Amino acid sequence: MKIITVINENEDERIEIHSHKMDALVEQIEELVNNYGVSIKGYNKDEIILLKPEMIYRVYVSSNKVFASTDSGEYQLKYRLYQIEEMLGEQFIKINQSALVNKKQIKKFSSSWGGSLIVELKNGEKDFISRRQQKTVMERMGVK
């Protein structure tokens, strides 16, 4: 792969990728560009922290409030779930009506006694995948 960087202050910034196929490297480059500079304010008591997408394991709704789960704790977000889904982009997958998970933080999938799918994250959190979202989740994870 050849990289060409052209610095010209008079042109609009753009990134072009010329590739034979969509592979993991191209996906990583797109993800990096799309998430560059994205951060979300998280509130915890009298603390405000800027959360980068890679810090977040799961975003979920509880008691009509939106929270982000990270290694350093739970933070309340001042956005609706659909707004966060738009901001975070392809790195996050909607698993049910009230939760998004970070694709990179998924540890494994398992089935429950009732036949529904459960996702387990690297931090030990678990949540169910609704039947409506199962096909989309599996496609986005590359599982068929």
N, C-alpha and C. Protein backbone atom coordinates (compact mmCIF):
# COMPACT_ATOMS: atom_id res chain seq x y z
N MET A 1 0.86 -1.17 0.00
CA MET A 1 0.00 0.00 0.00
C MET A 1 0.90 1.23 0.00
N LYS A 2 0.55 2.19 -0.82
CA LYS A 2 1.33 3.41 -0.94
C LYS A 2 0.55 4.55 -0.29
N ILE A 3 1.26 5.42 0.46
CA ILE A 3 0.64 6.55 1.12
C ILE A 3 1.19 7.83 0.52
N ILE A 4 0.30 8.72 0.13
CA ILE A 4 0.68 10.02 -0.41
C ILE A 4 0.01 11.09 0.44
N THR A 5 0.80 12.00 0.98
CA THR A 5 0.27 13.10 1.78
C THR A 5 0.59 14.40 1.07
N VAL A 6 -0.44 15.20 0.81
CA VAL A 6 -0.27 16.48 0.14
C VAL A 6 -0.80 17.56 1.08
N ILE A 7 0.06 18.50 1.44
CA ILE A 7 -0.34 19.61 2.30
C ILE A 7 -0.57 20.83 1.42
N ASN A 8 -1.81 21.31 1.41
CA ASN A 8 -2.15 22.50 0.64
C ASN A 8 -3.23 23.25 1.40
N GLU A 9 -2.87 24.40 1.95
CA GLU A 9 -3.80 25.18 2.76
C GLU A 9 -4.96 25.76 1.96
N ASN A 10 -4.87 25.77 0.64
CA ASN A 10 -5.91 26.37 -0.20
C ASN A 10 -7.00 25.39 -0.61
N GLU A 11 -6.83 24.11 -0.30
CA GLU A 11 -7.83 23.10 -0.67
C GLU A 11 -8.59 22.61 0.56
N ASP A 12 -9.79 22.09 0.31
CA ASP A 12 -10.55 21.44 1.38
C ASP A 12 -9.85 20.14 1.75
N GLU A 13 -9.93 19.78 3.04
CA GLU A 13 -9.32 18.53 3.48
C GLU A 13 -10.17 17.35 3.03
N ARG A 14 -9.51 16.31 2.56
CA ARG A 14 -10.22 15.09 2.17
C ARG A 14 -9.25 13.93 2.24
N ILE A 15 -9.80 12.77 2.41
CA ILE A 15 -9.00 11.55 2.44
C ILE A 15 -9.60 10.60 1.42
N GLU A 16 -8.77 10.10 0.53
CA GLU A 16 -9.21 9.14 -0.47
C GLU A 16 -8.45 7.84 -0.24
N ILE A 17 -9.16 6.74 -0.31
CA ILE A 17 -8.54 5.44 -0.17
C ILE A 17 -8.80 4.67 -1.46
N HIS A 18 -7.73 4.23 -2.09
CA HIS A 18 -7.84 3.42 -3.30
C HIS A 18 -7.38 2.02 -2.93
N SER A 19 -8.29 1.07 -2.96
CA SER A 19 -7.97 -0.28 -2.51
C SER A 19 -8.60 -1.31 -3.45
N HIS A 20 -8.01 -2.48 -3.49
CA HIS A 20 -8.55 -3.57 -4.31
C HIS A 20 -9.81 -4.15 -3.68
N LYS A 21 -9.89 -4.08 -2.36
CA LYS A 21 -11.04 -4.64 -1.66
C LYS A 21 -11.18 -3.98 -0.29
N MET A 22 -12.35 -4.15 0.30
CA MET A 22 -12.59 -3.67 1.66
C MET A 22 -12.01 -4.70 2.61
N ASP A 23 -10.98 -4.33 3.35
CA ASP A 23 -10.38 -5.24 4.30
C ASP A 23 -10.28 -4.57 5.67
N ALA A 24 -9.68 -5.26 6.62
CA ALA A 24 -9.61 -4.77 8.00
C ALA A 24 -8.86 -3.44 8.09
N LEU A 25 -7.80 -3.27 7.31
CA LEU A 25 -7.03 -2.03 7.35
C LEU A 25 -7.87 -0.85 6.86
N VAL A 26 -8.57 -1.03 5.76
CA VAL A 26 -9.42 0.04 5.23
C VAL A 26 -10.52 0.39 6.24
N GLU A 27 -11.10 -0.62 6.86
CA GLU A 27 -12.13 -0.36 7.88
C GLU A 27 -11.56 0.41 9.06
N GLN A 28 -10.35 0.07 9.49
CA GLN A 28 -9.73 0.77 10.61
C GLN A 28 -9.43 2.23 10.25
N ILE A 29 -8.98 2.46 9.03
CA ILE A 29 -8.70 3.83 8.59
C ILE A 29 -9.99 4.64 8.57
N GLU A 30 -11.06 4.07 8.02
CA GLU A 30 -12.35 4.77 7.98
C GLU A 30 -12.84 5.08 9.39
N GLU A 31 -12.72 4.12 10.28
CA GLU A 31 -13.16 4.30 11.66
C GLU A 31 -12.36 5.40 12.34
N LEU A 32 -11.06 5.40 12.13
CA LEU A 32 -10.21 6.42 12.72
C LEU A 32 -10.59 7.81 12.23
N VAL A 33 -10.80 7.94 10.94
CA VAL A 33 -11.17 9.24 10.36
C VAL A 33 -12.55 9.67 10.85
N ASN A 34 -13.51 8.75 10.85
CA ASN A 34 -14.87 9.09 11.27
C ASN A 34 -14.96 9.47 12.74
N ASN A 35 -14.13 8.86 13.58
CA ASN A 35 -14.20 9.13 15.01
C ASN A 35 -13.17 10.14 15.49
N TYR A 36 -12.40 10.71 14.58
CA TYR A 36 -11.37 11.66 14.95
C TYR A 36 -12.01 12.89 15.61
N GLY A 37 -11.58 13.17 16.81
CA GLY A 37 -12.08 14.34 17.51
C GLY A 37 -13.44 14.16 18.17
N VAL A 38 -14.05 12.98 18.04
CA VAL A 38 -15.36 12.76 18.66
C VAL A 38 -15.17 12.51 20.15
N SER A 39 -15.87 13.25 20.95
CA SER A 39 -15.90 12.99 22.38
C SER A 39 -17.27 13.43 22.91
N ILE A 40 -17.69 12.78 23.96
CA ILE A 40 -19.01 13.04 24.54
C ILE A 40 -18.81 13.40 26.01
N LYS A 41 -19.50 14.41 26.46
CA LYS A 41 -19.41 14.79 27.87
C LYS A 41 -20.18 13.79 28.72
N GLY A 42 -19.50 13.26 29.72
CA GLY A 42 -20.12 12.37 30.68
C GLY A 42 -20.14 13.02 32.05
N TYR A 43 -21.26 12.88 32.74
CA TYR A 43 -21.45 13.52 34.04
C TYR A 43 -21.56 12.45 35.13
N ASN A 44 -20.79 12.65 36.23
CA ASN A 44 -20.84 11.76 37.37
C ASN A 44 -20.70 12.63 38.62
N LYS A 45 -21.82 12.81 39.32
CA LYS A 45 -21.89 13.70 40.49
C LYS A 45 -21.41 15.09 40.09
N ASP A 46 -20.30 15.57 40.65
CA ASP A 46 -19.82 16.90 40.30
C ASP A 46 -18.60 16.83 39.39
N GLU A 47 -18.49 15.75 38.64
CA GLU A 47 -17.38 15.54 37.73
C GLU A 47 -17.90 15.49 36.29
N ILE A 48 -17.19 16.17 35.40
CA ILE A 48 -17.50 16.10 33.97
C ILE A 48 -16.25 15.58 33.27
N ILE A 49 -16.42 14.57 32.45
CA ILE A 49 -15.28 13.99 31.75
C ILE A 49 -15.62 13.87 30.26
N LEU A 50 -14.64 14.07 29.40
CA LEU A 50 -14.82 13.87 27.97
C LEU A 50 -14.52 12.41 27.66
N LEU A 51 -15.52 11.72 27.17
CA LEU A 51 -15.41 10.30 26.86
C LEU A 51 -15.09 10.11 25.39
N LYS A 52 -14.01 9.43 25.11
CA LYS A 52 -13.67 9.04 23.74
C LYS A 52 -14.41 7.74 23.44
N PRO A 53 -14.77 7.49 22.19
CA PRO A 53 -15.50 6.25 21.85
C PRO A 53 -14.81 4.97 22.33
N GLU A 54 -13.49 4.93 22.24
CA GLU A 54 -12.78 3.71 22.63
C GLU A 54 -12.83 3.44 24.13
N MET A 55 -13.19 4.46 24.93
CA MET A 55 -13.31 4.31 26.38
C MET A 55 -14.63 3.65 26.79
N ILE A 56 -15.61 3.71 25.91
CA ILE A 56 -16.97 3.31 26.25
C ILE A 56 -17.21 1.84 25.89
N TYR A 57 -17.74 1.08 26.85
CA TYR A 57 -18.14 -0.30 26.60
C TYR A 57 -19.57 -0.37 26.09
N ARG A 58 -20.45 0.34 26.79
CA ARG A 58 -21.87 0.23 26.49
C ARG A 58 -22.54 1.56 26.79
N VAL A 59 -23.53 1.90 25.97
CA VAL A 59 -24.39 3.06 26.22
C VAL A 59 -25.79 2.50 26.38
N TYR A 60 -26.47 2.87 27.47
CA TYR A 60 -27.78 2.29 27.73
C TYR A 60 -28.71 3.29 28.40
N VAL A 61 -29.99 2.99 28.31
CA VAL A 61 -31.03 3.83 28.92
C VAL A 61 -31.53 3.12 30.17
N SER A 62 -31.60 3.88 31.26
CA SER A 62 -32.14 3.37 32.52
C SER A 62 -32.88 4.51 33.20
N SER A 63 -34.13 4.27 33.57
CA SER A 63 -34.98 5.29 34.20
C SER A 63 -35.04 6.57 33.38
N ASN A 64 -35.20 6.41 32.08
CA ASN A 64 -35.28 7.52 31.13
C ASN A 64 -34.05 8.42 31.10
N LYS A 65 -32.91 7.91 31.54
CA LYS A 65 -31.65 8.62 31.46
C LYS A 65 -30.67 7.75 30.69
N VAL A 66 -29.76 8.39 29.97
CA VAL A 66 -28.78 7.67 29.16
C VAL A 66 -27.45 7.65 29.90
N PHE A 67 -26.84 6.47 29.96
CA PHE A 67 -25.57 6.28 30.65
C PHE A 67 -24.55 5.63 29.74
N ALA A 68 -23.27 5.92 30.01
CA ALA A 68 -22.17 5.26 29.33
C ALA A 68 -21.37 4.50 30.37
N SER A 69 -21.05 3.26 30.06
CA SER A 69 -20.29 2.41 30.96
C SER A 69 -18.83 2.40 30.49
N THR A 70 -17.90 2.74 31.41
CA THR A 70 -16.47 2.76 31.09
C THR A 70 -15.70 2.03 32.19
N ASP A 71 -14.40 1.90 32.01
CA ASP A 71 -13.56 1.31 33.05
C ASP A 71 -13.57 2.15 34.33
N SER A 72 -13.71 3.46 34.17
CA SER A 72 -13.66 4.34 35.35
C SER A 72 -15.03 4.59 35.97
N GLY A 73 -16.08 3.94 35.46
CA GLY A 73 -17.39 4.07 36.07
C GLY A 73 -18.50 4.37 35.08
N GLU A 74 -19.64 4.72 35.63
CA GLU A 74 -20.83 5.03 34.84
C GLU A 74 -20.98 6.54 34.76
N TYR A 75 -21.28 7.04 33.57
CA TYR A 75 -21.45 8.47 33.37
C TYR A 75 -22.79 8.73 32.70
N GLN A 76 -23.49 9.73 33.19
CA GLN A 76 -24.75 10.11 32.56
C GLN A 76 -24.44 10.99 31.36
N LEU A 77 -25.17 10.79 30.28
CA LEU A 77 -25.00 11.57 29.06
C LEU A 77 -26.22 12.46 28.86
N LYS A 78 -26.02 13.61 28.28
CA LYS A 78 -27.11 14.57 28.09
C LYS A 78 -27.66 14.51 26.66
N TYR A 79 -27.64 13.36 26.07
CA TYR A 79 -28.15 13.15 24.71
C TYR A 79 -29.14 12.00 24.72
N ARG A 80 -29.92 11.92 23.67
CA ARG A 80 -30.78 10.77 23.45
C ARG A 80 -29.94 9.65 22.84
N LEU A 81 -30.42 8.41 22.98
CA LEU A 81 -29.67 7.26 22.48
C LEU A 81 -29.44 7.35 20.97
N TYR A 82 -30.44 7.77 20.21
CA TYR A 82 -30.28 7.85 18.75
C TYR A 82 -29.24 8.90 18.37
N GLN A 83 -29.10 9.97 19.15
CA GLN A 83 -28.10 11.00 18.88
C GLN A 83 -26.69 10.45 19.13
N ILE A 84 -26.56 9.67 20.18
CA ILE A 84 -25.26 9.07 20.50
C ILE A 84 -24.89 8.04 19.44
N GLU A 85 -25.88 7.29 18.98
CA GLU A 85 -25.64 6.30 17.92
C GLU A 85 -25.10 6.99 16.67
N GLU A 86 -25.65 8.14 16.32
CA GLU A 86 -25.17 8.90 15.16
C GLU A 86 -23.76 9.43 15.39
N MET A 87 -23.49 9.92 16.59
CA MET A 87 -22.17 10.50 16.90
C MET A 87 -21.08 9.44 16.91
N LEU A 88 -21.36 8.27 17.45
CA LEU A 88 -20.34 7.24 17.62
C LEU A 88 -20.11 6.42 16.36
N GLY A 89 -21.07 6.36 15.47
CA GLY A 89 -20.86 5.73 14.17
C GLY A 89 -20.76 4.22 14.19
N GLU A 90 -19.99 3.70 13.24
CA GLU A 90 -19.91 2.27 12.96
C GLU A 90 -19.27 1.44 14.07
N GLN A 91 -18.54 2.07 14.97
CA GLN A 91 -17.86 1.33 16.03
C GLN A 91 -18.86 0.76 17.04
N PHE A 92 -20.07 1.33 17.08
CA PHE A 92 -21.07 0.90 18.04
C PHE A 92 -22.24 0.24 17.33
N ILE A 93 -22.80 -0.79 17.97
CA ILE A 93 -23.90 -1.56 17.40
C ILE A 93 -25.09 -1.47 18.33
N LYS A 94 -26.25 -1.19 17.76
CA LYS A 94 -27.47 -1.20 18.55
C LYS A 94 -27.88 -2.65 18.76
N ILE A 95 -27.99 -3.06 20.04
CA ILE A 95 -28.32 -4.46 20.32
C ILE A 95 -29.76 -4.64 20.74
N ASN A 96 -30.38 -3.59 21.23
CA ASN A 96 -31.79 -3.63 21.57
C ASN A 96 -32.31 -2.20 21.62
N GLN A 97 -33.55 -2.02 21.99
CA GLN A 97 -34.19 -0.71 21.96
C GLN A 97 -33.50 0.31 22.86
N SER A 98 -32.77 -0.16 23.87
CA SER A 98 -32.21 0.77 24.84
C SER A 98 -30.72 0.60 25.09
N ALA A 99 -29.98 0.00 24.14
CA ALA A 99 -28.55 -0.18 24.37
C ALA A 99 -27.73 -0.25 23.09
N LEU A 100 -26.53 0.32 23.17
CA LEU A 100 -25.51 0.22 22.13
C LEU A 100 -24.28 -0.40 22.77
N VAL A 101 -23.53 -1.19 22.02
CA VAL A 101 -22.27 -1.72 22.54
C VAL A 101 -21.14 -1.41 21.57
N ASN A 102 -19.95 -1.28 22.13
CA ASN A 102 -18.75 -1.04 21.35
C ASN A 102 -18.29 -2.37 20.76
N LYS A 103 -18.19 -2.45 19.43
CA LYS A 103 -17.79 -3.70 18.77
C LYS A 103 -16.46 -4.23 19.29
N LYS A 104 -15.55 -3.33 19.59
CA LYS A 104 -14.22 -3.74 20.03
C LYS A 104 -14.20 -4.25 21.46
N GLN A 105 -15.27 -4.04 22.19
CA GLN A 105 -15.32 -4.45 23.59
C GLN A 105 -16.13 -5.73 23.80
N ILE A 106 -16.58 -6.35 22.71
CA ILE A 106 -17.36 -7.59 22.84
C ILE A 106 -16.42 -8.76 23.09
N LYS A 107 -16.73 -9.50 24.14
CA LYS A 107 -15.93 -10.68 24.49
C LYS A 107 -16.50 -11.92 23.82
N LYS A 108 -17.84 -12.11 23.98
CA LYS A 108 -18.45 -13.30 23.38
C LYS A 108 -19.96 -13.16 23.32
N PHE A 109 -20.56 -14.05 22.54
CA PHE A 109 -22.01 -14.18 22.45
C PHE A 109 -22.39 -15.52 23.04
N SER A 110 -23.53 -15.56 23.70
CA SER A 110 -24.04 -16.84 24.20
C SER A 110 -25.56 -16.82 24.10
N SER A 111 -26.15 -17.99 24.18
CA SER A 111 -27.61 -18.04 24.13
C SER A 111 -28.16 -18.29 25.52
N SER A 112 -29.31 -17.70 25.77
CA SER A 112 -29.94 -17.87 27.09
C SER A 112 -30.87 -19.07 27.05
N TRP A 113 -31.43 -19.36 28.19
CA TRP A 113 -32.32 -20.49 28.30
C TRP A 113 -33.54 -20.36 27.40
N GLY A 114 -34.03 -19.14 27.21
CA GLY A 114 -35.19 -18.90 26.37
C GLY A 114 -34.88 -18.81 24.89
N GLY A 115 -33.60 -18.91 24.53
CA GLY A 115 -33.22 -18.89 23.13
C GLY A 115 -32.75 -17.54 22.62
N SER A 116 -32.81 -16.50 23.44
CA SER A 116 -32.33 -15.20 22.98
C SER A 116 -30.81 -15.13 23.13
N LEU A 117 -30.20 -14.23 22.39
CA LEU A 117 -28.76 -14.07 22.43
C LEU A 117 -28.36 -13.07 23.51
N ILE A 118 -27.25 -13.35 24.15
CA ILE A 118 -26.67 -12.48 25.17
C ILE A 118 -25.28 -12.07 24.68
N VAL A 119 -24.95 -10.79 24.84
CA VAL A 119 -23.61 -10.33 24.52
C VAL A 119 -22.89 -10.06 25.84
N GLU A 120 -21.66 -10.56 25.94
CA GLU A 120 -20.83 -10.29 27.12
C GLU A 120 -19.66 -9.42 26.69
N LEU A 121 -19.45 -8.34 27.43
CA LEU A 121 -18.38 -7.40 27.12
C LEU A 121 -17.12 -7.75 27.91
N LYS A 122 -16.01 -7.18 27.52
CA LYS A 122 -14.73 -7.48 28.15
C LYS A 122 -14.68 -7.07 29.62
N ASN A 123 -15.53 -6.14 30.02
CA ASN A 123 -15.56 -5.71 31.42
C ASN A 123 -16.52 -6.56 32.26
N GLY A 124 -17.13 -7.60 31.65
CA GLY A 124 -18.01 -8.51 32.36
C GLY A 124 -19.49 -8.17 32.26
N GLU A 125 -19.84 -7.01 31.75
CA GLU A 125 -21.25 -6.64 31.59
C GLU A 125 -21.91 -7.54 30.56
N LYS A 126 -23.19 -7.81 30.78
CA LYS A 126 -23.97 -8.62 29.84
C LYS A 126 -25.26 -7.88 29.52
N ASP A 127 -25.75 -8.07 28.30
CA ASP A 127 -27.03 -7.51 27.90
C ASP A 127 -27.60 -8.41 26.81
N PHE A 128 -28.91 -8.37 26.65
CA PHE A 128 -29.53 -9.23 25.64
C PHE A 128 -29.58 -8.52 24.29
N ILE A 129 -29.58 -9.32 23.24
CA ILE A 129 -29.74 -8.81 21.89
C ILE A 129 -31.17 -9.13 21.48
N SER A 130 -31.93 -8.12 21.15
CA SER A 130 -33.32 -8.36 20.77
C SER A 130 -33.38 -9.16 19.48
N ARG A 131 -34.47 -9.89 19.30
CA ARG A 131 -34.63 -10.67 18.07
C ARG A 131 -34.58 -9.78 16.84
N ARG A 132 -35.12 -8.58 16.96
CA ARG A 132 -35.14 -7.63 15.85
C ARG A 132 -33.73 -7.23 15.42
N GLN A 133 -32.79 -7.18 16.36
CA GLN A 133 -31.43 -6.72 16.08
C GLN A 133 -30.43 -7.85 15.83
N GLN A 134 -30.82 -9.10 16.06
CA GLN A 134 -29.87 -10.21 15.97
C GLN A 134 -29.19 -10.32 14.61
N LYS A 135 -29.94 -10.23 13.55
CA LYS A 135 -29.37 -10.37 12.21
C LYS A 135 -28.38 -9.24 11.94
N THR A 136 -28.76 -8.01 12.28
CA THR A 136 -27.89 -6.85 12.05
C THR A 136 -26.60 -6.97 12.85
N VAL A 137 -26.72 -7.37 14.11
CA VAL A 137 -25.54 -7.51 14.97
C VAL A 137 -24.59 -8.54 14.39
N MET A 138 -25.10 -9.67 14.00
CA MET A 138 -24.25 -10.75 13.46
C MET A 138 -23.59 -10.32 12.14
N GLU A 139 -24.32 -9.61 11.30
CA GLU A 139 -23.73 -9.12 10.05
C GLU A 139 -22.63 -8.12 10.32
N ARG A 140 -22.86 -7.20 11.24
CA ARG A 140 -21.87 -6.17 11.56
C ARG A 140 -20.62 -6.77 12.21
N MET A 141 -20.79 -7.91 12.88
CA MET A 141 -19.66 -8.58 13.52
C MET A 141 -18.96 -9.56 12.56
N GLY A 142 -19.53 -9.74 11.36
CA GLY A 142 -18.93 -10.64 10.39
C GLY A 142 -19.27 -12.09 10.62
N VAL A 143 -20.32 -12.36 11.42
CA VAL A 143 -20.76 -13.73 11.69
C VAL A 143 -22.02 -13.99 10.88
N LYS A 144 -22.07 -15.14 10.20
CA LYS A 144 -23.25 -15.43 9.37
C LYS A 144 -23.95 -16.65 9.84
